[in-house]
Amino acid sequence: MIGRIVRKTKTVLYKVFHPKFFNAVMFEVPRVYYGNRLKLGKRVHINDGIFINAVGNVSIGDYCVLSHGVSIFSTGLDTSKWRERKGDEDVHLTKPIVINDNVWLGANVVVCAGVTIEKNSIVAAGAVVTSDLLEEGCLYGGVPARKIKELGK
């Protein structure tokens, strides 16, 4: 009972301070960092347990579905000179993420910085997207995510 009241209160407060999220259908409030750098299309369905770090800009197209536990990171550590860093301050890279129209991200998908996902695609549960998924209308899955098959065939 108390948990339901807390969730309702949290949702109402979120609606007041983040009205653009309520063009989407939502059951739970996502955790979003740098929300001013997040662009949501029409009718984006956001389930619970979502985390979005939009410091490098994140664009999610129309009619997308983010299933339970999806994490989207537009930033990450620069590993190009990892051995030479010797305790120096970590260097973060930020790169934009583009998720085109009608994409379904299955449960617990992780999308890494600099990735583009082409429209009409599905990313299977538990996949880790580390590079562009540029073929339209395909099912992708695995770690790292790769094309499994074309949809509708």
Protein backbone atom coordinates (compact mmCIF):
# COMPACT_ATOMS: atom_id res chain seq x y z
CA MET A 1 0.00 0.00 0.00
CA ILE A 2 2.70 2.50 1.00
CA GLY A 3 4.82 1.47 -2.00
CA ARG A 4 1.91 2.21 -4.34
CA ILE A 5 1.39 5.65 -2.77
CA VAL A 6 5.11 6.45 -3.11
CA ARG A 7 5.07 5.37 -6.80
CA LYS A 8 1.98 7.49 -7.52
CA THR A 9 3.50 10.53 -5.79
CA LYS A 10 6.78 10.05 -7.64
CA THR A 11 4.92 9.81 -10.97
CA VAL A 12 2.90 12.98 -10.31
CA LEU A 13 6.04 14.92 -9.37
CA TYR A 14 7.82 13.59 -12.44
CA LYS A 15 4.92 14.70 -14.66
CA VAL A 16 5.24 18.22 -13.28
CA PHE A 17 9.01 18.50 -13.70
CA HIS A 18 9.46 16.37 -16.86
CA PRO A 19 6.30 16.79 -18.95
CA LYS A 20 7.90 15.65 -22.24
CA PHE A 21 8.09 12.09 -20.91
CA PHE A 22 4.33 11.94 -20.70
CA ASN A 23 3.90 11.92 -24.47
CA ALA A 24 4.95 8.33 -23.84
CA VAL A 25 3.04 5.54 -22.15
CA MET A 26 4.72 4.78 -18.84
CA PHE A 27 4.19 2.53 -15.88
CA GLU A 28 7.20 3.59 -13.88
CA VAL A 29 9.44 6.65 -13.85
CA PRO A 30 12.75 5.98 -15.63
CA ARG A 31 16.06 7.13 -14.22
CA VAL A 32 17.34 9.73 -16.67
CA TYR A 33 20.52 11.78 -16.45
CA TYR A 34 20.76 14.88 -18.66
CA GLY A 35 17.10 14.69 -19.66
CA ASN A 36 17.48 17.94 -21.61
CA ARG A 37 19.63 15.95 -24.09
CA LEU A 38 17.04 13.21 -24.56
CA LYS A 39 14.66 13.40 -27.54
CA LEU A 40 11.60 11.13 -27.46
CA GLY A 41 9.35 10.46 -30.45
CA LYS A 42 5.61 9.85 -30.38
CA ARG A 43 4.13 6.92 -28.47
CA VAL A 44 7.34 5.63 -26.95
CA HIS A 45 6.50 2.86 -24.49
CA ILE A 46 8.81 2.92 -21.47
CA ASN A 47 8.60 0.07 -18.97
CA ASP A 48 10.00 0.00 -15.44
CA GLY A 49 13.64 -0.25 -14.46
CA ILE A 50 14.87 1.93 -17.34
CA PHE A 51 18.15 3.86 -17.06
CA ILE A 52 19.17 6.49 -19.63
CA ASN A 53 22.38 8.54 -19.45
CA ALA A 54 21.89 11.12 -22.21
CA VAL A 55 24.98 13.27 -21.61
CA GLY A 56 26.10 12.63 -25.22
CA ASN A 57 22.55 13.02 -26.64
CA VAL A 58 20.01 10.23 -27.09
CA SER A 59 17.28 10.22 -29.72
CA ILE A 60 14.48 7.64 -29.56
CA GLY A 61 12.10 7.56 -32.53
CA ASP A 62 8.35 7.09 -32.80
CA TYR A 63 6.59 3.89 -31.64
CA CYS A 64 9.61 2.42 -29.83
CA VAL A 65 9.38 0.02 -26.89
CA LEU A 66 11.93 -0.06 -24.08
CA SER A 67 11.31 -3.27 -22.12
CA HIS A 68 12.09 -3.82 -18.45
CA GLY A 69 15.65 -3.07 -17.39
CA VAL A 70 16.94 -1.41 -20.58
CA SER A 71 20.07 0.71 -20.01
CA ILE A 72 21.26 3.36 -22.47
CA PHE A 73 24.70 4.93 -21.97
CA SER A 74 25.84 7.78 -24.23
CA THR A 75 29.11 8.02 -22.34
CA GLY A 76 31.88 5.66 -21.33
CA LEU A 77 35.55 5.50 -20.38
CA ASP A 78 38.18 6.03 -23.06
CA THR A 79 40.12 2.77 -23.12
CA SER A 80 42.44 3.67 -26.00
CA LYS A 81 45.36 4.47 -23.67
CA TRP A 82 44.35 2.39 -20.67
CA ARG A 83 47.82 0.97 -20.00
CA GLU A 84 49.52 4.37 -20.12
CA ARG A 85 47.10 6.22 -17.86
CA LYS A 86 48.85 5.17 -14.62
CA GLY A 87 46.33 6.58 -12.18
CA ASP A 88 45.56 9.71 -14.15
CA GLU A 89 42.03 10.95 -14.08
CA ASP A 90 39.64 8.86 -16.15
CA VAL A 91 38.73 10.31 -19.53
CA HIS A 92 35.11 9.92 -20.56
CA LEU A 93 34.00 9.85 -24.17
CA THR A 94 30.50 10.96 -25.08
CA LYS A 95 28.84 9.94 -28.33
CA PRO A 96 25.22 10.30 -29.48
CA ILE A 97 22.83 7.35 -29.65
CA VAL A 98 20.10 7.17 -32.30
CA ILE A 99 17.29 4.65 -31.97
CA ASN A 100 15.10 5.00 -35.06
CA ASP A 101 11.32 4.47 -35.38
CA ASN A 102 9.57 1.24 -34.39
CA VAL A 103 12.43 -0.40 -32.50
CA TRP A 104 11.80 -2.86 -29.69
CA LEU A 105 14.56 -3.23 -27.11
CA GLY A 106 13.97 -6.45 -25.16
CA ALA A 107 14.39 -6.85 -21.42
CA ASN A 108 17.79 -5.89 -19.98
CA VAL A 109 19.29 -4.70 -23.28
CA VAL A 110 22.36 -2.45 -22.90
CA VAL A 111 22.99 0.21 -25.57
CA CYS A 112 26.49 1.72 -25.56
CA ALA A 113 27.67 5.15 -26.70
CA GLY A 114 27.81 6.05 -30.39
CA VAL A 115 25.30 3.44 -31.56
CA THR A 116 22.59 3.77 -34.22
CA ILE A 117 19.77 1.20 -34.40
CA GLU A 118 17.88 1.15 -37.69
CA LYS A 119 14.07 1.31 -37.83
CA ASN A 120 11.70 -1.67 -37.61
CA SER A 121 14.23 -3.73 -35.66
CA ILE A 122 14.10 -5.87 -32.54
CA VAL A 123 17.00 -6.29 -30.12
CA ALA A 124 16.63 -9.54 -28.15
CA ALA A 125 16.60 -9.64 -24.36
CA GLY A 126 19.98 -9.41 -22.69
CA ALA A 127 21.82 -8.17 -25.79
CA VAL A 128 24.65 -5.64 -25.53
CA VAL A 129 24.70 -3.21 -28.46
CA THR A 130 28.28 -1.99 -28.92
CA SER A 131 28.17 -1.03 -32.61
CA ASP A 132 25.66 0.19 -35.19
CA LEU A 133 22.77 -2.09 -36.18
CA LEU A 134 22.16 -0.65 -39.64
CA GLU A 135 20.02 -3.25 -41.42
CA GLU A 136 16.36 -2.31 -41.26
CA GLY A 137 13.80 -4.89 -40.16
CA CYS A 138 16.11 -7.38 -38.45
CA LEU A 139 16.30 -9.29 -35.19
CA TYR A 140 19.56 -8.70 -33.33
CA GLY A 141 20.85 -10.48 -30.24
CA GLY A 142 23.89 -11.60 -28.31
CA VAL A 143 26.92 -10.10 -26.63
CA PRO A 144 27.90 -8.11 -28.58
CA ALA A 145 24.65 -7.82 -30.56
CA ARG A 146 24.72 -9.13 -34.11
CA LYS A 147 22.12 -9.86 -36.78
CA ILE A 148 20.22 -13.09 -36.16
CA LYS A 149 17.68 -12.91 -38.99
CA GLU A 150 15.52 -10.62 -41.09
CA LEU A 151 12.05 -10.15 -39.68
CA GLY A 152 9.08 -11.34 -41.70
CA LYS A 153 11.04 -14.04 -43.52
